[in-house]
Amino acid sequence: MRCLTCCPPVPRPRAVFPGRPWTQPISPEALRKRLSTIGVPARAARTAALFQLAVDLPAAVLARCLGIDISSAVAWQRAAAGDWHAYAARTADHE
């Protein structure tokens, strides 16, 4: 039990995008509508965020943090980083 006279209450984390009521996070659909209203397509933003995460994180960490299958995380990494061996082979074939 916490002493109420000497210990301040522990603040609850605030939602990055508060919804209604403001103590709850916004729903995905409401966020999509807000982004669409200001001209940001949600799918493009999601794809860009996944690409950046795939560049910065190992596949195992990406899979665990996002709750996706490891094979999906590896596919995102390959798409984001590019398959340089395949590129070199294609380039060599065209010369």
PDB file of N, CA and C in Angstrom:
ATOM      1  N   MET A   1       0.841  -1.188   0.000  1.00  0.00           N
ATOM      2  CA  MET A   1       0.000   0.000   0.000  1.00  0.00           C
ATOM      3  C   MET A   1       0.880   1.245   0.000  1.00  0.00           C
ATOM      4  N   ARG A   2       0.463   2.256  -0.705  1.00  0.00           N
ATOM      5  CA  ARG A   2       1.220   3.490  -0.874  1.00  0.00           C
ATOM      6  C   ARG A   2       0.760   4.523   0.154  1.00  0.00           C
ATOM      7  N   CYS A   3       1.741   5.242   0.711  1.00  0.00           N
ATOM      8  CA  CYS A   3       1.438   6.320   1.653  1.00  0.00           C
ATOM      9  C   CYS A   3       0.908   7.519   0.870  1.00  0.00           C
ATOM     10  N   LEU A   4      -0.271   7.962   1.171  1.00  0.00           N
ATOM     11  CA  LEU A   4      -0.897   9.047   0.406  1.00  0.00           C
ATOM     12  C   LEU A   4      -0.396  10.426   0.797  1.00  0.00           C
ATOM     13  N   THR A   5       0.256  10.545   1.966  1.00  0.00           N
ATOM     14  CA  THR A   5       0.694  11.873   2.398  1.00  0.00           C
ATOM     15  C   THR A   5       2.064  12.245   1.853  1.00  0.00           C
ATOM     16  N   CYS A   6       2.952  11.264   1.653  1.00  0.00           N
ATOM     17  CA  CYS A   6       4.303  11.606   1.214  1.00  0.00           C
ATOM     18  C   CYS A   6       4.604  11.161  -0.217  1.00  0.00           C
ATOM     19  N   CYS A   7       3.832  10.265  -0.779  1.00  0.00           N
ATOM     20  CA  CYS A   7       4.098   9.755  -2.127  1.00  0.00           C
ATOM     21  C   CYS A   7       3.057  10.295  -3.096  1.00  0.00           C
ATOM     22  N   PRO A   8       3.516  11.014  -4.105  1.00  0.00           N
ATOM     23  CA  PRO A   8       2.545  11.516  -5.082  1.00  0.00           C
ATOM     24  C   PRO A   8       1.957  10.359  -5.885  1.00  0.00           C
ATOM     25  N   PRO A   9       0.751  10.526  -6.380  1.00  0.00           N
ATOM     26  CA  PRO A   9       0.153   9.465  -7.187  1.00  0.00           C
ATOM     27  C   PRO A   9       0.955   9.253  -8.468  1.00  0.00           C
ATOM     28  N   VAL A  10       0.987   8.040  -8.923  1.00  0.00           N
ATOM     29  CA  VAL A  10       1.681   7.704 -10.162  1.00  0.00           C
ATOM     30  C   VAL A  10       0.783   8.125 -11.321  1.00  0.00           C
ATOM     31  N   PRO A  11       1.288   9.006 -12.201  1.00  0.00           N
ATOM     32  CA  PRO A  11       0.434   9.448 -13.314  1.00  0.00           C
ATOM     33  C   PRO A  11       0.191   8.312 -14.303  1.00  0.00           C
ATOM     34  N   ARG A  12      -1.016   8.260 -14.808  1.00  0.00           N
ATOM     35  CA  ARG A  12      -1.348   7.274 -15.839  1.00  0.00           C
ATOM     36  C   ARG A  12      -0.811   7.772 -17.167  1.00  0.00           C
ATOM     37  N   PRO A  13      -0.299   6.855 -17.994  1.00  0.00           N
ATOM     38  CA  PRO A  13       0.179   7.302 -19.302  1.00  0.00           C
ATOM     39  C   PRO A  13      -0.967   7.853 -20.139  1.00  0.00           C
ATOM     40  N   ARG A  14      -0.694   8.952 -20.839  1.00  0.00           N
ATOM     41  CA  ARG A  14      -1.723   9.555 -21.684  1.00  0.00           C
ATOM     42  C   ARG A  14      -1.654   8.940 -23.067  1.00  0.00           C
ATOM     43  N   ALA A  15      -2.787   8.858 -23.707  1.00  0.00           N
ATOM     44  CA  ALA A  15      -2.840   8.346 -25.072  1.00  0.00           C
ATOM     45  C   ALA A  15      -2.188   9.363 -26.001  1.00  0.00           C
ATOM     46  N   VAL A  16      -1.452   8.878 -26.991  1.00  0.00           N
ATOM     47  CA  VAL A  16      -0.827   9.770 -27.966  1.00  0.00           C
ATOM     48  C   VAL A  16      -1.916  10.494 -28.746  1.00  0.00           C
ATOM     49  N   PHE A  17      -2.967   9.755 -29.126  1.00  0.00           N
ATOM     50  CA  PHE A  17      -4.117  10.323 -29.821  1.00  0.00           C
ATOM     51  C   PHE A  17      -5.354  10.050 -28.981  1.00  0.00           C
ATOM     52  N   PRO A  18      -5.726  10.977 -28.097  1.00  0.00           N
ATOM     53  CA  PRO A  18      -6.881  10.731 -27.238  1.00  0.00           C
ATOM     54  C   PRO A  18      -8.179  10.678 -28.033  1.00  0.00           C
ATOM     55  N   GLY A  19      -9.080   9.850 -27.556  1.00  0.00           N
ATOM     56  CA  GLY A  19     -10.376   9.708 -28.198  1.00  0.00           C
ATOM     57  C   GLY A  19     -11.465  10.323 -27.345  1.00  0.00           C
ATOM     58  N   ARG A  20     -12.627   9.727 -27.402  1.00  0.00           N
ATOM     59  CA  ARG A  20     -13.753  10.171 -26.573  1.00  0.00           C
ATOM     60  C   ARG A  20     -14.238   8.996 -25.772  1.00  0.00           C
ATOM     61  N   PRO A  21     -14.147   9.010 -24.483  1.00  0.00           N
ATOM     62  CA  PRO A  21     -13.624  10.087 -23.646  1.00  0.00           C
ATOM     63  C   PRO A  21     -12.125  10.249 -23.814  1.00  0.00           C
ATOM     64  N   TRP A  22     -11.614  11.405 -23.439  1.00  0.00           N
ATOM     65  CA  TRP A  22     -10.208  11.725 -23.659  1.00  0.00           C
ATOM     66  C   TRP A  22      -9.256  10.789 -22.923  1.00  0.00           C
ATOM     67  N   THR A  23      -9.758  10.053 -21.956  1.00  0.00           N
ATOM     68  CA  THR A  23      -8.921   9.109 -21.211  1.00  0.00           C
ATOM     69  C   THR A  23      -8.664   7.826 -21.992  1.00  0.00           C
ATOM     70  N   GLN A  24      -9.370   7.630 -23.088  1.00  0.00           N
ATOM     71  CA  GLN A  24      -9.214   6.432 -23.918  1.00  0.00           C
ATOM     72  C   GLN A  24      -8.530   6.797 -25.227  1.00  0.00           C
ATOM     73  N   PRO A  25      -7.752   5.867 -25.798  1.00  0.00           N
ATOM     74  CA  PRO A  25      -7.131   6.169 -27.095  1.00  0.00           C
ATOM     75  C   PRO A  25      -8.171   6.218 -28.208  1.00  0.00           C
ATOM     76  N   ILE A  26      -7.851   6.924 -29.262  1.00  0.00           N
ATOM     77  CA  ILE A  26      -8.744   7.040 -30.409  1.00  0.00           C
ATOM     78  C   ILE A  26      -8.863   5.681 -31.113  1.00  0.00           C
ATOM     79  N   SER A  27      -9.997   5.431 -31.713  1.00  0.00           N
ATOM     80  CA  SER A  27     -10.176   4.171 -32.443  1.00  0.00           C
ATOM     81  C   SER A  27      -9.429   4.247 -33.777  1.00  0.00           C
ATOM     82  N   PRO A  28      -9.027   3.103 -34.328  1.00  0.00           N
ATOM     83  CA  PRO A  28      -8.329   3.125 -35.615  1.00  0.00           C
ATOM     84  C   PRO A  28      -9.141   3.798 -36.722  1.00  0.00           C
ATOM     85  N   GLU A  29     -10.437   3.557 -36.744  1.00  0.00           N
ATOM     86  CA  GLU A  29     -11.280   4.154 -37.788  1.00  0.00           C
ATOM     87  C   GLU A  29     -11.359   5.671 -37.637  1.00  0.00           C
ATOM     88  N   ALA A  30     -11.475   6.159 -36.410  1.00  0.00           N
ATOM     89  CA  ALA A  30     -11.517   7.607 -36.189  1.00  0.00           C
ATOM     90  C   ALA A  30     -10.189   8.254 -36.573  1.00  0.00           C
ATOM     91  N   LEU A  31      -9.082   7.586 -36.270  1.00  0.00           N
ATOM     92  CA  LEU A  31      -7.773   8.109 -36.646  1.00  0.00           C
ATOM     93  C   LEU A  31      -7.628   8.139 -38.170  1.00  0.00           C
ATOM     94  N   ARG A  32      -8.091   7.080 -38.847  1.00  0.00           N
ATOM     95  CA  ARG A  32      -8.029   7.042 -40.303  1.00  0.00           C
ATOM     96  C   ARG A  32      -8.816   8.206 -40.905  1.00  0.00           C
ATOM     97  N   LYS A  33      -9.985   8.474 -40.359  1.00  0.00           N
ATOM     98  CA  LYS A  33     -10.810   9.576 -40.866  1.00  0.00           C
ATOM     99  C   LYS A  33     -10.132  10.926 -40.652  1.00  0.00           C
ATOM    100  N   ARG A  34      -9.518  11.117 -39.475  1.00  0.00           N
ATOM    101  CA  ARG A  34      -8.830  12.377 -39.203  1.00  0.00           C
ATOM    102  C   ARG A  34      -7.658  12.570 -40.164  1.00  0.00           C
ATOM    103  N   LEU A  35      -6.888  11.526 -40.365  1.00  0.00           N
ATOM    104  CA  LEU A  35      -5.754  11.623 -41.282  1.00  0.00           C
ATOM    105  C   LEU A  35      -6.221  11.890 -42.707  1.00  0.00           C
ATOM    106  N   SER A  36      -7.290  11.231 -43.110  1.00  0.00           N
ATOM    107  CA  SER A  36      -7.834  11.420 -44.449  1.00  0.00           C
ATOM    108  C   SER A  36      -8.314  12.852 -44.654  1.00  0.00           C
ATOM    109  N   THR A  37      -8.889  13.430 -43.619  1.00  0.00           N
ATOM    110  CA  THR A  37      -9.394  14.801 -43.699  1.00  0.00           C
ATOM    111  C   THR A  37      -8.281  15.796 -44.002  1.00  0.00           C
ATOM    112  N   ILE A  38      -7.092  15.545 -43.470  1.00  0.00           N
ATOM    113  CA  ILE A  38      -5.982  16.471 -43.711  1.00  0.00           C
ATOM    114  C   ILE A  38      -5.088  16.015 -44.864  1.00  0.00           C
ATOM    115  N   GLY A  39      -5.541  14.985 -45.593  1.00  0.00           N
ATOM    116  CA  GLY A  39      -4.837  14.577 -46.801  1.00  0.00           C
ATOM    117  C   GLY A  39      -3.737  13.548 -46.617  1.00  0.00           C
ATOM    118  N   VAL A  40      -3.724  12.837 -45.499  1.00  0.00           N
ATOM    119  CA  VAL A  40      -2.713  11.803 -45.273  1.00  0.00           C
ATOM    120  C   VAL A  40      -3.372  10.439 -45.435  1.00  0.00           C
ATOM    121  N   PRO A  41      -3.056   9.716 -46.513  1.00  0.00           N
ATOM    122  CA  PRO A  41      -3.639   8.387 -46.680  1.00  0.00           C
ATOM    123  C   PRO A  41      -3.034   7.419 -45.654  1.00  0.00           C
ATOM    124  N   ALA A  42      -3.883   6.777 -44.867  1.00  0.00           N
ATOM    125  CA  ALA A  42      -3.417   5.925 -43.773  1.00  0.00           C
ATOM    126  C   ALA A  42      -2.576   4.754 -44.266  1.00  0.00           C
ATOM    127  N   ARG A  43      -2.953   4.144 -45.366  1.00  0.00           N
ATOM    128  CA  ARG A  43      -2.200   2.982 -45.849  1.00  0.00           C
ATOM    129  C   ARG A  43      -0.784   3.386 -46.245  1.00  0.00           C
ATOM    130  N   ALA A  44      -0.641   4.505 -46.912  1.00  0.00           N
ATOM    131  CA  ALA A  44       0.692   4.963 -47.308  1.00  0.00           C
ATOM    132  C   ALA A  44       1.537   5.294 -46.084  1.00  0.00           C
ATOM    133  N   ALA A  45       0.926   5.910 -45.083  1.00  0.00           N
ATOM    134  CA  ALA A  45       1.657   6.231 -43.857  1.00  0.00           C
ATOM    135  C   ALA A  45       2.077   4.961 -43.131  1.00  0.00           C
ATOM    136  N   ARG A  46       1.202   3.972 -43.094  1.00  0.00           N
ATOM    137  CA  ARG A  46       1.515   2.689 -42.448  1.00  0.00           C
ATOM    138  C   ARG A  46       2.669   2.000 -43.171  1.00  0.00           C
ATOM    139  N   THR A  47       2.600   1.973 -44.491  1.00  0.00           N
ATOM    140  CA  THR A  47       3.654   1.334 -45.273  1.00  0.00           C
ATOM    141  C   THR A  47       4.988   2.036 -45.054  1.00  0.00           C
ATOM    142  N   ALA A  48       4.981   3.362 -45.048  1.00  0.00           N
ATOM    143  CA  ALA A  48       6.222   4.114 -44.827  1.00  0.00           C
ATOM    144  C   ALA A  48       6.790   3.826 -43.442  1.00  0.00           C
ATOM    145  N   ALA A  49       5.920   3.751 -42.446  1.00  0.00           N
ATOM    146  CA  ALA A  49       6.379   3.453 -41.085  1.00  0.00           C
ATOM    147  C   ALA A  49       6.964   2.045 -41.001  1.00  0.00           C
ATOM    148  N   LEU A  50       6.310   1.076 -41.632  1.00  0.00           N
ATOM    149  CA  LEU A  50       6.831  -0.289 -41.627  1.00  0.00           C
ATOM    150  C   LEU A  50       8.174  -0.378 -42.347  1.00  0.00           C
ATOM    151  N   PHE A  51       8.307   0.320 -43.465  1.00  0.00           N
ATOM    152  CA  PHE A  51       9.584   0.329 -44.180  1.00  0.00           C
ATOM    153  C   PHE A  51      10.689   0.890 -43.289  1.00  0.00           C
ATOM    154  N   GLN A  52      10.424   1.990 -42.606  1.00  0.00           N
ATOM    155  CA  GLN A  52      11.445   2.594 -41.758  1.00  0.00           C
ATOM    156  C   GLN A  52      11.806   1.679 -40.598  1.00  0.00           C
ATOM    157  N   LEU A  53      10.812   1.046 -39.980  1.00  0.00           N
ATOM    158  CA  LEU A  53      11.092   0.098 -38.901  1.00  0.00           C
ATOM    159  C   LEU A  53      11.907  -1.085 -39.417  1.00  0.00           C
ATOM    160  N   ALA A  54      11.589  -1.552 -40.609  1.00  0.00           N
ATOM    161  CA  ALA A  54      12.311  -2.687 -41.184  1.00  0.00           C
ATOM    162  C   ALA A  54      13.765  -2.337 -41.475  1.00  0.00           C
ATOM    163  N   VAL A  55      14.041  -1.084 -41.777  1.00  0.00           N
ATOM    164  CA  VAL A  55      15.417  -0.646 -41.996  1.00  0.00           C
ATOM    165  C   VAL A  55      16.174  -0.587 -40.667  1.00  0.00           C
ATOM    166  N   ASP A  56      15.500  -0.143 -39.616  1.00  0.00           N
ATOM    167  CA  ASP A  56      16.165   0.133 -38.345  1.00  0.00           C
ATOM    168  C   ASP A  56      16.241  -1.047 -37.382  1.00  0.00           C
ATOM    169  N   LEU A  57      15.349  -2.030 -37.510  1.00  0.00           N
ATOM    170  CA  LEU A  57      15.267  -3.119 -36.527  1.00  0.00           C
ATOM    171  C   LEU A  57      15.584  -4.474 -37.145  1.00  0.00           C
ATOM    172  N   PRO A  58      16.175  -5.368 -36.368  1.00  0.00           N
ATOM    173  CA  PRO A  58      16.319  -6.751 -36.840  1.00  0.00           C
ATOM    174  C   PRO A  58      14.939  -7.391 -37.009  1.00  0.00           C
ATOM    175  N   ALA A  59      14.842  -8.368 -37.888  1.00  0.00           N
ATOM    176  CA  ALA A  59      13.552  -9.006 -38.184  1.00  0.00           C
ATOM    177  C   ALA A  59      12.899  -9.586 -36.932  1.00  0.00           C
ATOM    178  N   ALA A  60      13.690 -10.202 -36.061  1.00  0.00           N
ATOM    179  CA  ALA A  60      13.122 -10.810 -34.850  1.00  0.00           C
ATOM    180  C   ALA A  60      12.492  -9.757 -33.952  1.00  0.00           C
ATOM    181  N   VAL A  61      13.136  -8.617 -33.817  1.00  0.00           N
ATOM    182  CA  VAL A  61      12.598  -7.535 -32.977  1.00  0.00           C
ATOM    183  C   VAL A  61      11.356  -6.944 -33.632  1.00  0.00           C
ATOM    184  N   LEU A  62      11.415  -6.729 -34.934  1.00  0.00           N
ATOM    185  CA  LEU A  62      10.274  -6.193 -35.667  1.00  0.00           C
ATOM    186  C   LEU A  62       9.056  -7.097 -35.511  1.00  0.00           C
ATOM    187  N   ALA A  63       9.256  -8.407 -35.665  1.00  0.00           N
ATOM    188  CA  ALA A  63       8.151  -9.359 -35.546  1.00  0.00           C
ATOM    189  C   ALA A  63       7.554  -9.332 -34.147  1.00  0.00           C
ATOM    190  N   ARG A  64       8.413  -9.319 -33.152  1.00  0.00           N
ATOM    191  CA  ARG A  64       7.912  -9.351 -31.774  1.00  0.00           C
ATOM    192  C   ARG A  64       7.195  -8.054 -31.394  1.00  0.00           C
ATOM    193  N   CYS A  65       7.765  -6.922 -31.770  1.00  0.00           N
ATOM    194  CA  CYS A  65       7.166  -5.629 -31.412  1.00  0.00           C
ATOM    195  C   CYS A  65       5.822  -5.391 -32.098  1.00  0.00           C
ATOM    196  N   LEU A  66       5.716  -5.828 -33.346  1.00  0.00           N
ATOM    197  CA  LEU A  66       4.488  -5.576 -34.104  1.00  0.00           C
ATOM    198  C   LEU A  66       3.496  -6.733 -34.045  1.00  0.00           C
ATOM    199  N   GLY A  67       3.947  -7.870 -33.500  1.00  0.00           N
ATOM    200  CA  GLY A  67       3.055  -9.024 -33.419  1.00  0.00           C
ATOM    201  C   GLY A  67       2.802  -9.658 -34.777  1.00  0.00           C
ATOM    202  N   ILE A  68       3.808  -9.600 -35.656  1.00  0.00           N
ATOM    203  CA  ILE A  68       3.666 -10.217 -36.974  1.00  0.00           C
ATOM    204  C   ILE A  68       4.555 -11.450 -37.042  1.00  0.00           C
ATOM    205  N   ASP A  69       4.318 -12.294 -38.020  1.00  0.00           N
ATOM    206  CA  ASP A  69       5.104 -13.496 -38.200  1.00  0.00           C
ATOM    207  C   ASP A  69       6.526 -13.124 -38.621  1.00  0.00           C
ATOM    208  N   ILE A  70       7.495 -13.922 -38.209  1.00  0.00           N
ATOM    209  CA  ILE A  70       8.892 -13.643 -38.536  1.00  0.00           C
ATOM    210  C   ILE A  70       9.119 -13.618 -40.044  1.00  0.00           C
ATOM    211  N   SER A  71       8.415 -14.467 -40.786  1.00  0.00           N
ATOM    212  CA  SER A  71       8.582 -14.463 -42.245  1.00  0.00           C
ATOM    213  C   SER A  71       8.083 -13.149 -42.854  1.00  0.00           C
ATOM    214  N   SER A  72       7.044 -12.572 -42.271  1.00  0.00           N
ATOM    215  CA  SER A  72       6.566 -11.259 -42.737  1.00  0.00           C
ATOM    216  C   SER A  72       7.587 -10.174 -42.429  1.00  0.00           C
ATOM    217  N   ALA A  73       8.197 -10.250 -41.247  1.00  0.00           N
ATOM    218  CA  ALA A  73       9.210  -9.267 -40.869  1.00  0.00           C
ATOM    219  C   ALA A  73      10.419  -9.359 -41.797  1.00  0.00           C
ATOM    220  N   VAL A  74      10.819 -10.574 -42.134  1.00  0.00           N
ATOM    221  CA  VAL A  74      11.940 -10.767 -43.061  1.00  0.00           C
ATOM    222  C   VAL A  74      11.582 -10.212 -44.444  1.00  0.00           C
ATOM    223  N   ALA A  75      10.340 -10.447 -44.876  1.00  0.00           N
ATOM    224  CA  ALA A  75       9.896  -9.919 -46.177  1.00  0.00           C
ATOM    225  C   ALA A  75       9.913  -8.388 -46.180  1.00  0.00           C
ATOM    226  N   TRP A  76       9.486  -7.756 -45.086  1.00  0.00           N
ATOM    227  CA  TRP A  76       9.516  -6.297 -44.994  1.00  0.00           C
ATOM    228  C   TRP A  76      10.954  -5.800 -45.044  1.00  0.00           C
ATOM    229  N   GLN A  77      11.864  -6.516 -44.369  1.00  0.00           N
ATOM    230  CA  GLN A  77      13.263  -6.101 -44.398  1.00  0.00           C
ATOM    231  C   GLN A  77      13.846  -6.203 -45.803  1.00  0.00           C
ATOM    232  N   ARG A  78      13.538  -7.282 -46.486  1.00  0.00           N
ATOM    233  CA  ARG A  78      14.047  -7.435 -47.855  1.00  0.00           C
ATOM    234  C   ARG A  78      13.499  -6.337 -48.764  1.00  0.00           C
ATOM    235  N   ALA A  79      12.221  -6.032 -48.597  1.00  0.00           N
ATOM    236  CA  ALA A  79      11.616  -4.982 -49.425  1.00  0.00           C
ATOM    237  C   ALA A  79      12.212  -3.614 -49.100  1.00  0.00           C
ATOM    238  N   ALA A  80      12.468  -3.361 -47.836  1.00  0.00           N
ATOM    239  CA  ALA A  80      12.979  -2.050 -47.427  1.00  0.00           C
ATOM    240  C   ALA A  80      14.452  -1.885 -47.782  1.00  0.00           C
ATOM    241  N   ALA A  81      15.236  -2.926 -47.588  1.00  0.00           N
ATOM    242  CA  ALA A  81      16.673  -2.820 -47.820  1.00  0.00           C
ATOM    243  C   ALA A  81      17.036  -3.146 -49.254  1.00  0.00           C
ATOM    244  N   GLY A  82      16.162  -3.858 -49.928  1.00  0.00           N
ATOM    245  CA  GLY A  82      16.459  -4.263 -51.288  1.00  0.00           C
ATOM    246  C   GLY A  82      17.323  -5.512 -51.292  1.00  0.00           C
ATOM    247  N   ASP A  83      17.169  -6.301 -52.285  1.00  0.00           N
ATOM    248  CA  ASP A  83      17.974  -7.509 -52.430  1.00  0.00           C
ATOM    249  C   ASP A  83      19.129  -7.169 -53.356  1.00  0.00           C
ATOM    250  N   TRP A  84      20.249  -6.754 -52.774  1.00  0.00           N
ATOM    251  CA  TRP A  84      21.367  -6.258 -53.551  1.00  0.00           C
ATOM    252  C   TRP A  84      22.021  -7.348 -54.386  1.00  0.00           C
ATOM    253  N   HIS A  85      21.969  -8.577 -53.911  1.00  0.00           N
ATOM    254  CA  HIS A  85      22.563  -9.663 -54.709  1.00  0.00           C
ATOM    255  C   HIS A  85      21.771  -9.869 -55.996  1.00  0.00           C
ATOM    256  N   ALA A  86      20.464  -9.857 -55.894  1.00  0.00           N
ATOM    257  CA  ALA A  86      19.628 -10.007 -57.079  1.00  0.00           C
ATOM    258  C   ALA A  86      19.807  -8.821 -58.024  1.00  0.00           C
ATOM    259  N   TYR A  87      19.929  -7.622 -57.455  1.00  0.00           N
ATOM    260  CA  TYR A  87      20.140  -6.425 -58.273  1.00  0.00           C
ATOM    261  C   TYR A  87      21.453  -6.529 -59.051  1.00  0.00           C
ATOM    262  N   ALA A  88      22.515  -6.961 -58.362  1.00  0.00           N
ATOM    263  CA  ALA A  88      23.807  -7.090 -59.022  1.00  0.00           C
ATOM    264  C   ALA A  88      23.741  -8.133 -60.132  1.00  0.00           C
ATOM    265  N   ALA A  89      23.039  -9.231 -59.888  1.00  0.00           N
ATOM    266  CA  ALA A  89      22.914 -10.280 -60.901  1.00  0.00           C
ATOM    267  C   ALA A  89      22.136  -9.772 -62.112  1.00  0.00           C
ATOM    268  N   ARG A  90      21.049  -9.043 -61.890  1.00  0.00           N
ATOM    269  CA  ARG A  90      20.254  -8.497 -63.001  1.00  0.00           C
ATOM    270  C   ARG A  90      21.066  -7.490 -63.796  1.00  0.00           C
ATOM    271  N   THR A  91      21.828  -6.668 -63.095  1.00  0.00           N
ATOM    272  CA  THR A  91      22.645  -5.636 -63.754  1.00  0.00           C
ATOM    273  C   THR A  91      23.717  -6.303 -64.618  1.00  0.00           C
ATOM    274  N   ALA A  92      24.324  -7.339 -64.081  1.00  0.00           N
ATOM    275  CA  ALA A  92      25.375  -8.056 -64.826  1.00  0.00           C
ATOM    276  C   ALA A  92      24.809  -8.729 -66.069  1.00  0.00           C
ATOM    277  N   ASP A  93      23.570  -9.238 -65.974  1.00  0.00           N
ATOM    278  CA  ASP A  93      22.941  -9.897 -67.117  1.00  0.00           C
ATOM    279  C   ASP A  93      22.641  -8.919 -68.248  1.00  0.00           C
ATOM    280  N   HIS A  94      22.378  -7.650 -67.933  1.00  0.00           N
ATOM    281  CA  HIS A  94      22.003  -6.672 -68.950  1.00  0.00           C
ATOM    282  C   HIS A  94      23.210  -6.053 -69.636  1.00  0.00           C
ATOM    283  N   GLU A  95      24.396  -6.288 -69.139  1.00  0.00           N
ATOM    284  CA  GLU A  95      25.587  -5.670 -69.739  1.00  0.00           C
ATOM    285  C   GLU A  95      26.161  -6.537 -70.820  1.00  0.00           C
TER     286      GLU A  95
END
